[in-house]
N, C-alpha and C. Protein backbone atom coordinates (compact mmCIF):
# COMPACT_ATOMS: atom_id res chain seq x y z
N MET A 1 0.84 -1.18 0.00
CA MET A 1 0.00 0.00 0.00
C MET A 1 0.89 1.25 0.00
N PHE A 2 0.48 2.24 -0.74
CA PHE A 2 1.24 3.48 -0.85
C PHE A 2 0.76 4.49 0.18
N ALA A 3 1.70 5.25 0.72
CA ALA A 3 1.35 6.32 1.66
C ALA A 3 0.84 7.52 0.88
N LYS A 4 -0.19 8.16 1.40
CA LYS A 4 -0.74 9.36 0.78
C LYS A 4 0.24 10.52 1.00
N PRO A 5 0.62 11.24 -0.08
CA PRO A 5 1.57 12.34 0.10
C PRO A 5 0.94 13.49 0.89
N THR A 6 1.77 14.18 1.64
CA THR A 6 1.30 15.36 2.37
C THR A 6 1.28 16.55 1.42
N ALA A 7 0.62 17.62 1.85
CA ALA A 7 0.58 18.84 1.04
C ALA A 7 1.98 19.38 0.79
N VAL A 8 2.84 19.30 1.81
CA VAL A 8 4.21 19.78 1.66
C VAL A 8 4.96 18.94 0.63
N GLN A 9 4.81 17.63 0.68
CA GLN A 9 5.48 16.76 -0.30
C GLN A 9 5.00 17.07 -1.71
N THR A 10 3.70 17.27 -1.86
CA THR A 10 3.15 17.59 -3.18
C THR A 10 3.70 18.91 -3.69
N ALA A 11 3.76 19.93 -2.83
CA ALA A 11 4.29 21.24 -3.24
C ALA A 11 5.73 21.12 -3.69
N ILE A 12 6.52 20.34 -2.97
CA ILE A 12 7.93 20.15 -3.33
C ILE A 12 8.05 19.43 -4.68
N GLU A 13 7.22 18.40 -4.87
CA GLU A 13 7.29 17.62 -6.10
C GLU A 13 6.93 18.43 -7.34
N VAL A 14 5.96 19.34 -7.22
CA VAL A 14 5.57 20.13 -8.39
C VAL A 14 6.39 21.40 -8.52
N GLY A 15 7.31 21.61 -7.59
CA GLY A 15 8.24 22.73 -7.72
C GLY A 15 7.74 24.06 -7.23
N LEU A 16 6.81 24.09 -6.28
CA LEU A 16 6.36 25.35 -5.73
C LEU A 16 7.40 25.84 -4.73
N PRO A 17 8.03 26.97 -5.01
CA PRO A 17 9.08 27.45 -4.11
C PRO A 17 8.52 28.22 -2.92
N ASP A 18 9.33 28.30 -1.89
CA ASP A 18 8.97 29.21 -0.81
C ASP A 18 9.30 30.62 -1.29
N HIS A 19 8.91 31.62 -0.54
CA HIS A 19 9.07 32.99 -1.01
C HIS A 19 9.17 33.92 0.20
N VAL A 20 9.97 34.95 0.07
CA VAL A 20 10.08 35.98 1.11
C VAL A 20 9.85 37.34 0.46
N ALA A 21 8.98 38.12 1.06
CA ALA A 21 8.75 39.50 0.62
C ALA A 21 9.15 40.40 1.79
N GLN A 22 10.02 41.36 1.53
CA GLN A 22 10.46 42.31 2.55
C GLN A 22 9.51 43.51 2.56
N ALA A 23 8.76 43.65 3.63
CA ALA A 23 7.76 44.72 3.70
C ALA A 23 8.38 46.10 3.52
N ASP A 24 9.62 46.28 3.98
CA ASP A 24 10.27 47.59 3.85
C ASP A 24 10.52 47.97 2.39
N ASP A 25 10.52 46.99 1.49
CA ASP A 25 10.76 47.25 0.07
C ASP A 25 9.47 47.57 -0.69
N ILE A 26 8.34 47.49 -0.03
CA ILE A 26 7.04 47.66 -0.67
C ILE A 26 6.45 49.00 -0.22
N PRO A 27 5.96 49.81 -1.16
CA PRO A 27 5.42 51.12 -0.77
C PRO A 27 4.04 51.01 -0.13
N TRP A 28 3.69 52.03 0.66
CA TRP A 28 2.32 52.17 1.14
C TRP A 28 1.50 52.71 -0.03
N VAL A 29 0.44 52.01 -0.38
CA VAL A 29 -0.40 52.38 -1.53
C VAL A 29 -1.61 53.16 -1.01
N PRO A 30 -1.84 54.37 -1.55
CA PRO A 30 -2.99 55.15 -1.11
C PRO A 30 -4.30 54.42 -1.42
N GLN A 31 -5.19 54.41 -0.44
CA GLN A 31 -6.49 53.76 -0.62
C GLN A 31 -7.63 54.75 -0.45
N GLY A 32 -7.42 55.77 0.35
CA GLY A 32 -8.43 56.79 0.63
C GLY A 32 -7.81 57.82 1.53
N GLU A 33 -8.60 58.79 1.95
CA GLU A 33 -8.06 59.84 2.82
C GLU A 33 -7.63 59.24 4.15
N GLY A 34 -6.32 59.34 4.43
CA GLY A 34 -5.77 58.81 5.68
C GLY A 34 -5.71 57.30 5.74
N VAL A 35 -5.84 56.61 4.59
CA VAL A 35 -5.86 55.15 4.54
C VAL A 35 -4.90 54.66 3.46
N TRP A 36 -4.03 53.71 3.83
CA TRP A 36 -3.07 53.11 2.90
C TRP A 36 -3.04 51.60 3.12
N PHE A 37 -2.62 50.86 2.09
CA PHE A 37 -2.35 49.44 2.27
C PHE A 37 -0.99 49.11 1.70
N LYS A 38 -0.38 48.08 2.23
CA LYS A 38 0.92 47.59 1.77
C LYS A 38 0.72 46.12 1.46
N PRO A 39 0.63 45.76 0.17
CA PRO A 39 0.39 44.36 -0.17
C PRO A 39 1.61 43.49 0.14
N LEU A 40 1.35 42.28 0.63
CA LEU A 40 2.42 41.34 0.96
C LEU A 40 2.31 40.05 0.15
N ARG A 41 1.10 39.74 -0.32
CA ARG A 41 0.91 38.53 -1.12
C ARG A 41 -0.38 38.64 -1.92
N PHE A 42 -0.32 38.19 -3.17
CA PHE A 42 -1.50 38.04 -4.01
C PHE A 42 -1.53 36.60 -4.51
N ASP A 43 -2.57 35.85 -4.18
CA ASP A 43 -2.72 34.47 -4.66
C ASP A 43 -3.78 34.48 -5.76
N LEU A 44 -3.32 34.47 -7.00
CA LEU A 44 -4.22 34.58 -8.14
C LEU A 44 -5.09 33.35 -8.35
N THR A 45 -4.72 32.22 -7.78
CA THR A 45 -5.53 31.01 -7.96
C THR A 45 -6.75 30.99 -7.06
N THR A 46 -6.70 31.71 -5.94
CA THR A 46 -7.82 31.68 -4.98
C THR A 46 -8.46 33.04 -4.75
N GLY A 47 -7.82 34.13 -5.18
CA GLY A 47 -8.33 35.47 -4.90
C GLY A 47 -8.02 35.93 -3.49
N PHE A 48 -7.12 35.25 -2.83
CA PHE A 48 -6.71 35.55 -1.44
C PHE A 48 -5.56 36.55 -1.48
N TRP A 49 -5.60 37.54 -0.60
CA TRP A 49 -4.47 38.45 -0.51
C TRP A 49 -4.20 38.82 0.94
N VAL A 50 -2.94 39.22 1.19
CA VAL A 50 -2.50 39.62 2.52
C VAL A 50 -1.93 41.02 2.40
N ASN A 51 -2.33 41.90 3.30
CA ASN A 51 -1.76 43.24 3.30
C ASN A 51 -1.74 43.85 4.69
N LEU A 52 -0.88 44.84 4.84
CA LEU A 52 -0.91 45.69 6.02
C LEU A 52 -1.85 46.84 5.69
N LEU A 53 -2.68 47.22 6.63
CA LEU A 53 -3.55 48.38 6.47
C LEU A 53 -3.12 49.42 7.48
N LYS A 54 -2.93 50.65 7.00
CA LYS A 54 -2.56 51.77 7.88
C LYS A 54 -3.63 52.84 7.76
N VAL A 55 -4.13 53.29 8.91
CA VAL A 55 -5.11 54.37 8.94
C VAL A 55 -4.61 55.39 9.96
N THR A 56 -4.60 56.66 9.55
CA THR A 56 -4.09 57.73 10.42
C THR A 56 -5.15 58.80 10.68
N LYS A 57 -4.82 59.66 11.62
CA LYS A 57 -5.61 60.88 11.90
C LYS A 57 -7.07 60.59 12.19
N GLY A 58 -7.35 59.55 12.93
CA GLY A 58 -8.74 59.26 13.25
C GLY A 58 -9.55 58.93 12.02
N GLY A 59 -8.92 58.31 11.03
CA GLY A 59 -9.60 57.97 9.79
C GLY A 59 -10.49 56.76 9.93
N LYS A 60 -11.07 56.37 8.80
CA LYS A 60 -11.96 55.21 8.82
C LYS A 60 -11.95 54.53 7.45
N VAL A 61 -12.39 53.29 7.48
CA VAL A 61 -12.65 52.54 6.25
C VAL A 61 -14.16 52.45 6.18
N ASN A 62 -14.74 53.03 5.13
CA ASN A 62 -16.18 53.16 5.01
C ASN A 62 -16.91 51.83 5.18
N ARG A 63 -18.18 51.94 5.48
CA ARG A 63 -19.05 50.78 5.71
C ARG A 63 -18.90 49.80 4.55
N HIS A 64 -18.67 48.52 4.92
CA HIS A 64 -18.42 47.52 3.90
C HIS A 64 -18.73 46.11 4.40
N ARG A 65 -18.74 45.18 3.44
CA ARG A 65 -18.89 43.77 3.78
C ARG A 65 -17.90 42.99 2.94
N HIS A 66 -17.52 41.82 3.47
CA HIS A 66 -16.59 40.93 2.77
C HIS A 66 -17.36 39.73 2.24
N THR A 67 -16.98 39.26 1.06
CA THR A 67 -17.63 38.08 0.49
C THR A 67 -16.98 36.80 1.00
N GLY A 68 -15.79 36.90 1.59
CA GLY A 68 -15.09 35.76 2.17
C GLY A 68 -14.66 36.12 3.57
N GLN A 69 -14.04 35.17 4.25
CA GLN A 69 -13.60 35.46 5.61
C GLN A 69 -12.35 36.33 5.63
N VAL A 70 -12.18 37.03 6.74
CA VAL A 70 -11.06 37.94 6.93
C VAL A 70 -10.50 37.71 8.33
N THR A 71 -9.17 37.70 8.44
CA THR A 71 -8.54 37.71 9.75
C THR A 71 -7.61 38.91 9.81
N GLY A 72 -7.52 39.49 10.97
CA GLY A 72 -6.64 40.64 11.18
C GLY A 72 -5.89 40.50 12.48
N TYR A 73 -4.64 40.97 12.47
CA TYR A 73 -3.83 40.98 13.68
C TYR A 73 -3.30 42.40 13.85
N VAL A 74 -3.65 43.04 14.95
CA VAL A 74 -3.31 44.45 15.18
C VAL A 74 -1.85 44.55 15.64
N LEU A 75 -1.08 45.34 14.89
CA LEU A 75 0.33 45.56 15.21
C LEU A 75 0.55 46.86 15.98
N GLN A 76 -0.25 47.88 15.65
CA GLN A 76 -0.05 49.20 16.24
C GLN A 76 -1.38 49.94 16.30
N GLY A 77 -1.58 50.71 17.35
CA GLY A 77 -2.76 51.56 17.46
C GLY A 77 -3.99 50.77 17.86
N GLY A 78 -5.12 51.45 17.83
CA GLY A 78 -6.38 50.83 18.19
C GLY A 78 -7.47 51.20 17.21
N TRP A 79 -8.44 50.33 17.11
CA TRP A 79 -9.58 50.59 16.23
C TRP A 79 -10.77 49.75 16.67
N HIS A 80 -11.91 50.10 16.14
CA HIS A 80 -13.12 49.33 16.44
C HIS A 80 -14.06 49.45 15.24
N TYR A 81 -15.10 48.68 15.28
CA TYR A 81 -16.17 48.82 14.30
C TYR A 81 -17.27 49.65 14.91
N ALA A 82 -17.80 50.60 14.16
CA ALA A 82 -18.88 51.45 14.65
C ALA A 82 -20.06 50.61 15.12
N GLU A 83 -20.22 49.44 14.53
CA GLU A 83 -21.36 48.57 14.83
C GLU A 83 -21.10 47.60 15.99
N ARG A 84 -19.94 47.68 16.65
CA ARG A 84 -19.58 46.74 17.71
C ARG A 84 -19.15 47.49 18.98
N THR A 85 -19.04 46.77 20.08
CA THR A 85 -18.62 47.38 21.34
C THR A 85 -17.16 47.06 21.67
N TRP A 86 -16.53 46.08 21.02
CA TRP A 86 -15.16 45.72 21.34
C TRP A 86 -14.17 46.68 20.67
N VAL A 87 -12.95 46.70 21.20
CA VAL A 87 -11.86 47.51 20.65
C VAL A 87 -10.69 46.58 20.35
N ALA A 88 -10.14 46.69 19.15
CA ALA A 88 -8.95 45.93 18.77
C ALA A 88 -7.73 46.80 19.09
N LYS A 89 -6.76 46.21 19.76
CA LYS A 89 -5.54 46.92 20.14
C LYS A 89 -4.35 46.02 19.83
N PRO A 90 -3.11 46.51 19.95
CA PRO A 90 -1.97 45.66 19.62
C PRO A 90 -2.05 44.29 20.29
N GLY A 91 -1.88 43.26 19.47
CA GLY A 91 -1.99 41.89 19.96
C GLY A 91 -3.35 41.28 19.77
N SER A 92 -4.35 42.07 19.36
CA SER A 92 -5.70 41.54 19.12
C SER A 92 -5.75 40.80 17.79
N MET A 93 -6.43 39.66 17.79
CA MET A 93 -6.71 38.92 16.56
C MET A 93 -8.21 39.05 16.30
N VAL A 94 -8.55 39.50 15.10
CA VAL A 94 -9.94 39.74 14.74
C VAL A 94 -10.31 38.78 13.61
N TRP A 95 -11.47 38.16 13.72
CA TRP A 95 -11.99 37.32 12.65
C TRP A 95 -13.33 37.87 12.22
N GLU A 96 -13.50 38.00 10.89
CA GLU A 96 -14.75 38.53 10.33
C GLU A 96 -15.36 37.46 9.43
N PRO A 97 -16.58 37.04 9.72
CA PRO A 97 -17.21 36.05 8.86
C PRO A 97 -17.68 36.68 7.54
N PRO A 98 -17.80 35.88 6.49
CA PRO A 98 -18.31 36.41 5.23
C PRO A 98 -19.69 37.04 5.44
N GLY A 99 -19.92 38.17 4.79
CA GLY A 99 -21.21 38.83 4.85
C GLY A 99 -21.37 39.83 5.98
N ASP A 100 -20.44 39.87 6.94
CA ASP A 100 -20.53 40.81 8.05
C ASP A 100 -20.37 42.23 7.52
N ILE A 101 -21.20 43.14 8.00
CA ILE A 101 -21.15 44.54 7.58
C ILE A 101 -20.63 45.38 8.74
N HIS A 102 -19.63 46.23 8.44
CA HIS A 102 -19.02 47.03 9.50
C HIS A 102 -18.29 48.25 8.92
N THR A 103 -17.97 49.19 9.81
CA THR A 103 -17.25 50.42 9.48
C THR A 103 -16.06 50.51 10.43
N LEU A 104 -14.84 50.46 9.89
CA LEU A 104 -13.64 50.47 10.71
C LEU A 104 -13.30 51.91 11.10
N ILE A 105 -13.21 52.17 12.40
CA ILE A 105 -12.92 53.50 12.92
C ILE A 105 -11.62 53.46 13.72
N VAL A 106 -10.70 54.36 13.39
CA VAL A 106 -9.45 54.48 14.15
C VAL A 106 -9.61 55.61 15.14
N HIS A 107 -9.09 55.40 16.33
CA HIS A 107 -9.23 56.39 17.39
C HIS A 107 -8.55 57.70 16.99
N GLU A 108 -9.18 58.79 17.30
CA GLU A 108 -8.71 60.13 16.94
C GLU A 108 -7.26 60.35 17.36
N GLY A 109 -6.46 60.87 16.43
CA GLY A 109 -5.07 61.21 16.72
C GLY A 109 -4.13 60.02 16.71
N ALA A 110 -4.63 58.82 16.48
CA ALA A 110 -3.79 57.61 16.51
C ALA A 110 -3.50 57.13 15.09
N GLU A 111 -2.46 56.31 14.99
CA GLU A 111 -2.17 55.63 13.73
C GLU A 111 -2.31 54.14 13.98
N MET A 112 -3.04 53.47 13.13
CA MET A 112 -3.29 52.04 13.26
C MET A 112 -2.59 51.31 12.13
N ILE A 113 -1.98 50.16 12.45
CA ILE A 113 -1.46 49.24 11.43
C ILE A 113 -1.92 47.85 11.83
N THR A 114 -2.59 47.18 10.91
CA THR A 114 -3.11 45.83 11.13
C THR A 114 -2.77 44.96 9.93
N LEU A 115 -2.34 43.74 10.19
CA LEU A 115 -2.09 42.74 9.15
C LEU A 115 -3.41 42.03 8.87
N PHE A 116 -3.89 42.12 7.62
CA PHE A 116 -5.14 41.47 7.23
C PHE A 116 -4.87 40.39 6.18
N SER A 117 -5.56 39.26 6.33
CA SER A 117 -5.62 38.20 5.32
C SER A 117 -7.06 38.16 4.84
N ILE A 118 -7.24 38.33 3.52
CA ILE A 118 -8.58 38.56 2.99
C ILE A 118 -8.88 37.56 1.88
N GLN A 119 -10.06 36.95 1.95
CA GLN A 119 -10.55 36.09 0.88
C GLN A 119 -11.73 36.79 0.22
N GLY A 120 -11.76 36.76 -1.10
CA GLY A 120 -12.91 37.33 -1.80
C GLY A 120 -12.81 38.83 -1.96
N ALA A 121 -13.97 39.47 -2.06
CA ALA A 121 -14.05 40.90 -2.35
C ALA A 121 -14.50 41.68 -1.13
N ILE A 122 -14.23 42.99 -1.18
CA ILE A 122 -14.74 43.94 -0.19
C ILE A 122 -15.74 44.81 -0.93
N GLN A 123 -16.97 44.82 -0.47
CA GLN A 123 -18.02 45.61 -1.11
C GLN A 123 -18.36 46.80 -0.22
N TYR A 124 -18.12 48.01 -0.73
CA TYR A 124 -18.41 49.23 0.02
C TYR A 124 -19.87 49.59 -0.22
N LEU A 125 -20.59 49.85 0.87
CA LEU A 125 -22.05 49.96 0.83
C LEU A 125 -22.56 51.35 1.19
N ASP A 126 -23.73 51.68 0.63
CA ASP A 126 -24.42 52.88 1.08
C ASP A 126 -25.34 52.49 2.24
N ASP A 127 -26.14 53.42 2.74
CA ASP A 127 -26.99 53.16 3.90
C ASP A 127 -28.10 52.15 3.60
N ALA A 128 -28.41 51.94 2.32
CA ALA A 128 -29.44 50.96 1.93
C ALA A 128 -28.81 49.62 1.53
N ASP A 129 -27.53 49.45 1.83
CA ASP A 129 -26.78 48.22 1.51
C ASP A 129 -26.57 47.98 0.02
N ASN A 130 -26.67 49.04 -0.77
CA ASN A 130 -26.32 48.94 -2.19
C ASN A 130 -24.80 49.06 -2.32
N VAL A 131 -24.22 48.29 -3.24
CA VAL A 131 -22.77 48.32 -3.44
C VAL A 131 -22.40 49.55 -4.26
N ASN A 132 -21.57 50.44 -3.66
CA ASN A 132 -21.07 51.63 -4.35
C ASN A 132 -19.79 51.32 -5.11
N TYR A 133 -18.98 50.42 -4.56
CA TYR A 133 -17.68 50.11 -5.12
C TYR A 133 -17.24 48.76 -4.57
N GLN A 134 -16.45 48.05 -5.34
CA GLN A 134 -15.94 46.76 -4.88
C GLN A 134 -14.45 46.68 -5.11
N ASP A 135 -13.73 46.22 -4.08
CA ASP A 135 -12.30 45.94 -4.19
C ASP A 135 -12.12 44.44 -4.16
N ASP A 136 -11.20 43.94 -4.97
CA ASP A 136 -10.83 42.54 -4.94
C ASP A 136 -9.35 42.43 -5.26
N ILE A 137 -8.85 41.23 -5.40
CA ILE A 137 -7.42 41.04 -5.65
C ILE A 137 -6.96 41.81 -6.88
N PHE A 138 -7.80 41.90 -7.91
CA PHE A 138 -7.40 42.55 -9.15
C PHE A 138 -7.35 44.07 -9.02
N THR A 139 -8.30 44.67 -8.28
CA THR A 139 -8.23 46.12 -8.08
C THR A 139 -7.05 46.47 -7.17
N LYS A 140 -6.75 45.61 -6.20
CA LYS A 140 -5.60 45.85 -5.32
C LYS A 140 -4.29 45.76 -6.12
N ILE A 141 -4.18 44.77 -7.00
CA ILE A 141 -2.99 44.65 -7.85
C ILE A 141 -2.85 45.89 -8.73
N GLU A 142 -3.95 46.33 -9.33
CA GLU A 142 -3.92 47.51 -10.19
C GLU A 142 -3.44 48.74 -9.42
N LYS A 143 -3.93 48.94 -8.20
CA LYS A 143 -3.51 50.09 -7.38
C LYS A 143 -2.03 49.98 -7.00
N TYR A 144 -1.59 48.75 -6.69
CA TYR A 144 -0.17 48.53 -6.35
C TYR A 144 0.72 48.84 -7.55
N LYS A 145 0.36 48.34 -8.73
CA LYS A 145 1.16 48.58 -9.93
C LYS A 145 1.22 50.08 -10.25
N LYS A 146 0.10 50.76 -10.13
CA LYS A 146 0.06 52.20 -10.42
C LYS A 146 0.95 52.96 -9.43
N CYS A 147 0.87 52.59 -8.16
CA CYS A 147 1.69 53.26 -7.14
C CYS A 147 3.18 53.08 -7.46
N CYS A 148 3.59 51.86 -7.78
CA CYS A 148 5.00 51.61 -8.12
C CYS A 148 5.42 52.42 -9.34
N ALA A 149 4.55 52.46 -10.36
CA ALA A 149 4.87 53.22 -11.58
C ALA A 149 4.98 54.71 -11.25
N ASP A 150 4.04 55.23 -10.45
CA ASP A 150 4.07 56.65 -10.07
C ASP A 150 5.33 57.01 -9.29
N LEU A 151 5.80 56.06 -8.46
CA LEU A 151 7.00 56.30 -7.66
C LEU A 151 8.29 55.97 -8.43
N GLY A 152 8.14 55.37 -9.61
CA GLY A 152 9.31 54.99 -10.41
C GLY A 152 10.12 53.87 -9.78
N ILE A 153 9.44 52.96 -9.08
CA ILE A 153 10.14 51.85 -8.45
C ILE A 153 9.70 50.52 -9.05
N LYS A 154 10.55 49.53 -8.92
CA LYS A 154 10.25 48.20 -9.41
C LYS A 154 9.29 47.51 -8.44
N GLU A 155 8.33 46.80 -9.00
CA GLU A 155 7.40 46.03 -8.17
C GLU A 155 8.12 44.86 -7.52
N THR A 156 7.76 44.57 -6.28
CA THR A 156 8.23 43.37 -5.61
C THR A 156 7.36 42.21 -6.08
N GLU A 157 7.95 41.05 -6.32
CA GLU A 157 7.20 39.88 -6.75
C GLU A 157 6.29 39.42 -5.61
N LEU A 158 4.99 39.59 -5.77
CA LEU A 158 4.03 39.23 -4.74
C LEU A 158 3.01 38.21 -5.23
N TYR A 159 3.17 37.74 -6.47
CA TYR A 159 2.22 36.81 -7.08
C TYR A 159 2.79 35.40 -6.99
N PHE A 160 2.39 34.66 -5.99
CA PHE A 160 2.88 33.30 -5.85
C PHE A 160 1.85 32.46 -5.14
């Protein structure tokens, strides 16, 4: 009887390499007023991406919902959702189920940085839950490429 290969064995056999991305080599990409993201990984086969999110000056990420699950780990500063009573602070791990609607608020005068892993799309909503705009892996890639071009810098390989 043959042993079933592990995921690691399969990855090695088909030649999937490991990869390191240095966050210091990647620019902060403007996303909105007082809001930036720094992409760390784009997985084109699943639509999954990882980025750092930075919000300054008591900024916010407008009301939105995710089509897939999201996890976040707070590195700096504090934030909360307008629709919740909890506060995320350094060391907090946040999990958001698909379909959850929320508005990310950063405390006035603070700067927040959180590592987010995102599946699917982010749909920005009006008060009647109509989609005004949608971000997904492809819009994030487009914004990253434009930022690098505008800054005259080479893109870091993040597609793996």
